Amino acid sequence: MDRGPSDFDTTHRLIASFVWQLPKMAHANPILRRVAGGWEMSGLIALQSGPPLTISAGKDQSQTNLRDAP
């Protein structure tokens, strides 16, 4: 009788990595080209869906006496 998705179920998941080669500065002076040329940037991106989120407050912070609808 207890069937359904688990607490750690992530239905949608995307993981991507990238490498970006920065400019080599071919026309810069040799010292600047040696120090700042030829670098690479890389990264990793992870996006996923998560469990349902219920937002509720335990106290009436606005003091309006409004209640949640059943």
Protein backbone atom coordinates (compact mmCIF):
# COMPACT_ATOMS: atom_id res chain seq x y z
CA MET A 1 0.00 0.00 0.00
CA ASP A 2 2.98 2.34 0.40
CA ARG A 3 3.99 2.92 -3.19
CA GLY A 4 5.34 6.05 -4.81
CA PRO A 5 8.55 7.87 -5.59
CA SER A 6 11.28 7.82 -2.98
CA ASP A 7 12.40 10.89 -1.05
CA PHE A 8 15.58 11.13 -3.13
CA ASP A 9 13.90 10.71 -6.55
CA THR A 10 15.17 13.29 -9.06
CA THR A 11 13.09 12.87 -12.19
CA HIS A 12 14.90 15.51 -14.23
CA ARG A 13 18.69 15.78 -14.06
CA LEU A 14 21.17 17.57 -16.33
CA ILE A 15 24.92 17.59 -15.80
CA ALA A 16 27.15 19.47 -18.22
CA SER A 17 30.81 20.40 -18.27
CA PHE A 18 32.63 22.95 -20.39
CA VAL A 19 36.14 24.06 -21.29
CA TRP A 20 36.72 27.55 -22.69
CA GLN A 21 40.10 28.48 -24.14
CA LEU A 22 40.85 32.14 -23.55
CA PRO A 23 42.53 34.18 -26.30
CA LYS A 24 46.24 33.48 -26.82
CA MET A 25 47.09 37.20 -27.23
CA ALA A 26 49.13 36.62 -30.36
CA HIS A 27 49.60 40.34 -31.00
CA ALA A 28 50.53 41.34 -27.41
CA ASN A 29 54.10 41.90 -26.25
CA PRO A 30 56.01 38.69 -25.38
CA ILE A 31 55.96 39.18 -21.60
CA LEU A 32 52.19 39.75 -21.46
CA ARG A 33 51.64 36.84 -23.83
CA ARG A 34 53.73 34.57 -21.55
CA VAL A 35 51.87 35.60 -18.37
CA ALA A 36 48.28 36.03 -19.55
CA GLY A 37 48.05 34.00 -22.75
CA GLY A 38 46.98 30.40 -23.22
CA TRP A 39 44.74 30.06 -20.16
CA GLU A 40 41.64 27.86 -20.03
CA MET A 41 38.49 28.09 -17.93
CA SER A 42 36.43 25.03 -17.10
CA GLY A 43 33.32 24.34 -15.11
CA LEU A 44 30.62 21.90 -14.18
CA ILE A 45 26.89 22.64 -14.08
CA ALA A 46 24.37 20.36 -12.36
CA LEU A 47 20.64 21.06 -12.54
CA GLN A 48 17.98 18.78 -11.14
CA SER A 49 14.39 18.73 -10.02
CA GLY A 50 13.73 18.01 -6.41
CA PRO A 51 10.99 16.88 -4.11
CA PRO A 52 7.83 18.97 -3.75
CA LEU A 53 8.29 21.99 -1.55
CA THR A 54 5.65 23.19 0.89
CA ILE A 55 6.22 26.65 2.27
CA SER A 56 4.42 27.43 5.50
CA ALA A 57 5.01 29.56 8.53
CA GLY A 58 4.25 28.46 12.06
CA LYS A 59 3.41 31.96 13.22
CA ASP A 60 1.32 34.79 11.75
CA GLN A 61 4.24 37.15 11.11
CA SER A 62 2.06 39.78 9.37
CA GLN A 63 -0.51 39.75 12.21
CA THR A 64 -3.40 39.74 9.71
CA ASN A 65 -5.11 36.63 11.17
CA LEU A 66 -5.18 35.04 7.69
CA ARG A 67 -5.17 31.25 7.65
CA ASP A 68 -4.13 28.78 4.98
CA ALA A 69 -6.98 27.37 2.90
CA PRO A 70 -7.60 23.65 3.56
